Amino acid sequence: MMDFWPTVLEFADRTTTRVGRTLLEDFGRAQATEKADGSLVTQSDRWADEVLRQAIAQEFPSHGVLSEEAEHFFPENDWCWIIDPIDGTTNFTRGVPLWGISLGLLYRGTPVFGYVYLPPIAQAFHGFWPGDSGLKMPQGAFLNHRSIHTSGAEPSNNQFFNLCARSTAVLKSPFPCKIRMLGVATYNVLTVATGTALGGVEATPKIWDIAAVWAIAQAAGANWIPLDRQSPFPLKVGHNYSRHPYPTLVASGAALGEQFLPYVQFLGQG
């Protein structure tokens, strides 16, 4: 089984690099249309989604796939990949150099490996997180193959906390950190994993926004708090995941999670 994980990592490295190279050619020029949920989609999203699904089918034929642009029903396979071909499509279409390709690998419905590649800034994150899976596997979180970990700092005006576009009501009260808004759900969480930010909140992420970073963030020491008090994982076979939001707070540790929670918990009340 240990030979499996180097293969998984090499596949994620190679495939996202190849897809990212082509996406960079469309960056800032792609035309977007609005989907039913209000999010944007481009032909680049659809192309990348298809290429990633085909690559998985060729490399791991026994694995299932759930993806933002095509496959929304969780399959019966023990192993399943969850794909977000472009996280941060609005940034991608407007020429803001912060967007990424996200791959999460689930075992029996729960992520155990995550990989996020941001082509414009040449940052590739990955993490191994066995959790309660019982798998004998590596553990840890990495940026460009160097180990990363959350910060041990205390909240202050010189420490960052990330909001999403749908969580700005948090600012109605004074907040104990300096606020940032990045426009990319995965990168929101990944900055907590690297220690750049002490926390971040996403009000309405979908399963493909969080699958990869669930593994990476916790492997880096982050505290993951579902604001609706329902763990997103394990996923249920046959369920359609196209509409379900997962309001989430991620903090650099359990104590900070408790400290930030009163400011953001209303986001989990629908």
Protein backbone atom coordinates (compact mmCIF):
# COMPACT_ATOMS: atom_id res chain seq x y z
CA MET A 1 0.00 0.00 0.00
CA MET A 2 2.89 2.37 0.69
CA ASP A 3 3.85 2.20 -3.01
CA PHE A 4 0.39 3.53 -3.79
CA TRP A 5 0.98 6.96 -2.26
CA PRO A 6 4.06 7.97 -4.29
CA THR A 7 2.04 7.03 -7.38
CA VAL A 8 -0.88 9.20 -6.24
CA LEU A 9 1.38 12.18 -5.54
CA GLU A 10 3.29 11.87 -8.80
CA PHE A 11 0.01 11.63 -10.70
CA ALA A 12 -1.35 14.78 -9.02
CA ASP A 13 1.91 16.67 -9.66
CA ARG A 14 2.10 15.67 -13.30
CA THR A 15 -1.57 16.05 -14.19
CA THR A 16 -2.23 19.42 -12.56
CA THR A 17 0.97 20.81 -14.07
CA ARG A 18 -0.18 19.73 -17.53
CA VAL A 19 -3.69 21.11 -17.08
CA GLY A 20 -2.41 24.30 -15.44
CA ARG A 21 -0.09 25.02 -18.35
CA THR A 22 -3.04 25.11 -20.75
CA LEU A 23 -5.28 27.06 -18.37
CA LEU A 24 -2.64 29.78 -18.12
CA GLU A 25 -3.08 30.37 -21.86
CA ASP A 26 -6.78 31.19 -21.25
CA PHE A 27 -6.21 33.11 -18.02
CA GLY A 28 -7.87 36.54 -18.10
CA ARG A 29 -9.41 35.92 -21.52
CA ALA A 30 -12.03 33.22 -20.92
CA GLN A 31 -15.69 34.20 -21.25
CA ALA A 32 -17.90 33.09 -18.35
CA THR A 33 -21.58 32.25 -18.04
CA GLU A 34 -23.61 32.05 -14.85
CA LYS A 35 -24.79 28.67 -13.54
CA ALA A 36 -28.06 28.04 -11.68
CA ASP A 37 -26.36 28.50 -8.30
CA GLY A 38 -24.98 31.90 -9.32
CA SER A 39 -21.38 30.76 -9.73
CA LEU A 40 -19.47 31.26 -12.98
CA VAL A 41 -18.32 28.63 -15.44
CA THR A 42 -16.13 28.85 -18.54
CA GLN A 43 -15.19 26.48 -21.32
CA SER A 44 -11.83 26.26 -19.55
CA ASP A 45 -13.57 24.81 -16.46
CA ARG A 46 -15.37 22.23 -18.55
CA TRP A 47 -12.24 21.33 -20.51
CA ALA A 48 -10.13 20.92 -17.36
CA ASP A 49 -12.85 18.88 -15.67
CA GLU A 50 -12.99 16.46 -18.60
CA VAL A 51 -9.21 16.13 -18.90
CA LEU A 52 -8.84 15.44 -15.17
CA ARG A 53 -11.60 12.83 -15.22
CA GLN A 54 -10.04 11.09 -18.20
CA ALA A 55 -6.60 11.10 -16.55
CA ILE A 56 -8.01 9.52 -13.39
CA ALA A 57 -9.87 6.87 -15.38
CA GLN A 58 -6.67 5.93 -17.18
CA GLU A 59 -4.37 5.94 -14.14
CA PHE A 60 -6.82 4.57 -11.54
CA PRO A 61 -9.55 2.68 -13.42
CA SER A 62 -11.11 1.29 -10.23
CA HIS A 63 -11.57 4.74 -8.68
CA GLY A 64 -14.75 6.79 -8.84
CA VAL A 65 -14.97 10.51 -9.62
CA LEU A 66 -17.14 13.36 -8.34
CA SER A 67 -16.62 16.68 -10.11
CA GLU A 68 -18.02 20.20 -10.13
CA GLU A 69 -18.84 20.33 -13.83
CA ALA A 70 -19.96 16.77 -14.62
CA GLU A 71 -20.34 14.02 -12.01
CA HIS A 72 -22.40 15.12 -8.98
CA PHE A 73 -23.55 11.77 -7.53
CA PHE A 74 -21.20 10.05 -5.10
CA PRO A 75 -20.32 6.56 -6.42
CA GLU A 76 -20.01 3.21 -4.63
CA ASN A 77 -16.22 2.91 -5.17
CA ASP A 78 -14.05 2.63 -2.05
CA TRP A 79 -11.71 5.19 -3.65
CA CYS A 80 -13.10 8.36 -5.20
CA TRP A 81 -11.54 11.57 -6.48
CA ILE A 82 -13.30 14.92 -6.08
CA ILE A 83 -12.37 17.53 -8.70
CA ASP A 84 -12.65 21.30 -8.79
CA PRO A 85 -11.07 22.13 -12.17
CA ILE A 86 -10.77 25.87 -11.44
CA ASP A 87 -11.36 27.09 -7.92
CA GLY A 88 -11.63 30.86 -8.23
CA THR A 89 -13.25 31.09 -11.67
CA THR A 90 -14.12 34.78 -11.18
CA ASN A 91 -10.46 35.57 -10.50
CA PHE A 92 -9.52 33.42 -13.50
CA THR A 93 -11.81 35.31 -15.88
CA ARG A 94 -10.86 38.78 -14.58
CA GLY A 95 -7.11 38.28 -14.67
CA VAL A 96 -6.54 38.06 -10.91
CA PRO A 97 -3.60 35.65 -10.48
CA LEU A 98 -5.11 33.60 -7.68
CA TRP A 99 -6.97 30.44 -8.70
CA GLY A 100 -6.23 26.75 -8.53
CA ILE A 101 -6.89 23.15 -9.51
CA SER A 102 -8.13 21.01 -6.65
CA LEU A 103 -8.02 17.21 -6.30
CA GLY A 104 -9.19 15.32 -3.24
CA LEU A 105 -8.87 11.54 -2.87
CA LEU A 106 -11.46 9.92 -0.61
CA TYR A 107 -11.39 6.49 0.98
CA ARG A 108 -14.84 5.18 1.82
CA GLY A 109 -16.28 8.68 1.66
CA THR A 110 -13.67 10.67 3.60
CA PRO A 111 -10.66 12.58 2.18
CA VAL A 112 -7.27 11.10 3.00
CA PHE A 113 -5.21 12.97 0.39
CA GLY A 114 -5.53 16.48 -1.02
CA TYR A 115 -3.70 18.36 -3.75
CA VAL A 116 -4.18 21.99 -4.83
CA TYR A 117 -2.08 23.64 -7.53
CA LEU A 118 -2.18 27.40 -8.16
CA PRO A 119 -0.52 27.88 -11.59
CA PRO A 120 -0.17 31.71 -11.59
CA ILE A 121 1.91 31.70 -8.41
CA ALA A 122 3.54 28.28 -8.91
CA GLN A 123 2.38 26.92 -5.55
CA ALA A 124 1.44 23.27 -5.16
CA PHE A 125 0.00 22.07 -1.85
CA HIS A 126 -0.56 18.47 -0.82
CA GLY A 127 -1.40 16.62 2.34
CA PHE A 128 -1.87 13.10 3.67
CA TRP A 129 -4.43 12.68 6.46
CA PRO A 130 -5.42 9.12 7.47
CA GLY A 131 -7.86 10.31 10.14
CA ASP A 132 -10.00 7.39 11.28
CA SER A 133 -9.60 5.47 8.01
CA GLY A 134 -7.36 2.76 9.46
CA LEU A 135 -5.05 3.12 6.46
CA LYS A 136 -1.31 2.74 6.86
CA MET A 137 -0.13 5.79 4.97
CA PRO A 138 2.07 8.90 5.21
CA GLN A 139 0.92 11.93 7.18
CA GLY A 140 1.78 15.61 6.77
CA ALA A 141 1.13 18.76 4.77
CA PHE A 142 3.44 20.34 2.21
CA LEU A 143 3.89 23.38 -0.03
CA ASN A 144 6.08 22.66 -3.06
CA HIS A 145 7.14 19.49 -1.20
CA ARG A 146 8.30 21.40 1.89
CA SER A 147 6.55 20.75 5.19
CA ILE A 148 4.02 23.34 6.38
CA HIS A 149 2.24 23.88 9.69
CA THR A 150 -0.27 26.24 11.22
CA SER A 151 0.77 29.30 13.24
CA GLY A 152 0.95 29.44 17.02
CA ALA A 153 0.43 33.21 17.15
CA GLU A 154 -2.34 34.95 19.06
CA PRO A 155 -4.96 37.16 17.34
CA SER A 156 -3.95 40.78 16.82
CA ASN A 157 -4.21 43.61 14.30
CA ASN A 158 -1.09 42.20 12.65
CA GLN A 159 -2.52 38.70 12.12
CA PHE A 160 -4.80 37.71 9.23
CA PHE A 161 -8.27 36.16 9.15
CA ASN A 162 -9.91 35.35 5.79
CA LEU A 163 -13.53 36.01 4.83
CA CYS A 164 -15.46 34.91 1.77
CA ALA A 165 -17.79 37.17 -0.21
CA ARG A 166 -20.84 35.77 1.61
CA SER A 167 -19.45 36.24 5.12
CA THR A 168 -18.86 39.99 5.22
CA ALA A 169 -21.58 40.44 7.84
CA VAL A 170 -18.88 39.35 10.28
CA LEU A 171 -17.56 42.91 9.98
CA LYS A 172 -20.61 44.39 11.72
CA SER A 173 -18.66 43.87 14.95
CA PRO A 174 -14.97 44.56 15.63
CA PHE A 175 -12.86 41.54 14.76
CA PRO A 176 -9.62 40.62 16.57
CA CYS A 177 -7.56 40.16 13.37
CA LYS A 178 -6.81 41.96 10.12
CA ILE A 179 -9.30 40.84 7.46
CA ARG A 180 -8.42 39.51 4.01
CA MET A 181 -10.65 38.27 1.17
CA LEU A 182 -8.91 36.08 -1.42
CA GLY A 183 -11.76 34.89 -3.66
CA VAL A 184 -10.60 31.25 -3.66
CA ALA A 185 -12.09 28.84 -1.11
CA THR A 186 -9.17 26.43 -1.18
CA TYR A 187 -6.55 29.16 -0.80
CA ASN A 188 -8.55 30.68 2.06
CA VAL A 189 -7.98 27.45 3.98
CA LEU A 190 -4.47 26.82 2.71
CA THR A 191 -3.19 30.12 4.11
CA VAL A 192 -4.24 28.81 7.52
CA ALA A 193 -2.33 25.59 6.84
CA THR A 194 0.84 27.55 6.03
CA GLY A 195 0.55 29.80 9.09
CA THR A 196 -0.06 32.91 6.95
CA ALA A 197 -3.54 33.40 8.45
CA LEU A 198 -4.88 32.36 11.85
CA GLY A 199 -8.27 31.42 10.48
CA GLY A 200 -10.72 31.59 7.65
CA VAL A 201 -14.43 31.15 7.06
CA GLU A 202 -16.40 29.98 4.04
CA ALA A 203 -20.17 30.46 4.23
CA THR A 204 -21.36 28.34 1.29
CA PRO A 205 -18.58 26.09 -0.06
CA LYS A 206 -19.52 23.00 -2.04
CA ILE A 207 -17.97 19.59 -1.52
CA TRP A 208 -15.41 20.14 -4.33
CA ASP A 209 -14.27 23.34 -2.59
CA ILE A 210 -13.37 21.54 0.62
CA ALA A 211 -12.48 17.91 -0.19
CA ALA A 212 -8.78 18.46 -0.90
CA VAL A 213 -8.16 21.06 1.79
CA TRP A 214 -9.94 18.95 4.43
CA ALA A 215 -6.94 16.63 4.31
CA ILE A 216 -4.24 19.28 3.84
CA ALA A 217 -5.42 21.64 6.57
CA GLN A 218 -5.80 18.99 9.26
CA ALA A 219 -2.48 17.40 8.34
CA ALA A 220 -0.95 20.86 8.94
CA GLY A 221 -2.52 21.09 12.40
CA ALA A 222 -5.63 23.14 11.65
CA ASN A 223 -8.92 22.84 13.51
CA TRP A 224 -11.89 22.27 11.15
CA ILE A 225 -15.27 23.38 12.52
CA PRO A 226 -18.51 22.72 10.56
CA LEU A 227 -20.69 25.74 11.33
CA ASP A 228 -23.89 23.73 10.79
CA ARG A 229 -22.58 21.17 13.35
CA GLN A 230 -22.66 18.39 10.76
CA SER A 231 -19.43 16.83 9.58
CA PRO A 232 -19.32 16.87 5.75
CA PHE A 233 -17.74 13.41 5.66
CA PRO A 234 -18.16 10.53 5.03
CA LEU A 235 -20.16 11.17 1.87
CA LYS A 236 -23.22 9.04 1.12
CA VAL A 237 -23.37 6.76 -1.90
CA GLY A 238 -25.90 7.92 -4.48
CA HIS A 239 -26.33 11.38 -2.99
CA ASN A 240 -26.34 14.41 -5.31
CA TYR A 241 -23.75 16.89 -4.02
CA SER A 242 -24.36 19.69 -6.52
CA ARG A 243 -26.34 21.96 -4.18
CA HIS A 244 -25.34 21.17 -0.60
CA PRO A 245 -23.29 23.95 1.12
CA TYR A 246 -20.85 23.25 3.95
CA PRO A 247 -20.36 26.41 6.07
CA THR A 248 -16.91 26.05 7.59
CA LEU A 249 -14.54 27.73 10.01
CA VAL A 250 -10.89 26.70 9.91
CA ALA A 251 -8.52 27.93 12.61
CA SER A 252 -4.86 27.35 13.37
CA GLY A 253 -5.74 25.42 16.53
CA ALA A 254 -8.62 24.27 18.71
CA ALA A 255 -8.31 27.18 21.15
CA LEU A 256 -8.47 29.76 18.36
CA GLY A 257 -11.38 27.90 16.83
CA GLU A 258 -13.33 28.44 20.02
CA GLN A 259 -12.25 32.09 20.10
CA PHE A 260 -13.34 32.79 16.50
CA LEU A 261 -16.55 30.74 16.61
CA PRO A 262 -18.83 33.36 18.27
CA TYR A 263 -18.03 35.81 15.44
CA VAL A 264 -18.99 33.44 12.63
CA GLN A 265 -21.35 30.76 13.96
CA PHE A 266 -24.43 32.57 12.58
CA LEU A 267 -23.23 31.57 9.10
CA GLY A 268 -24.20 27.99 9.86
CA GLN A 269 -27.83 28.82 10.62
CA GLY A 270 -28.91 28.84 6.97
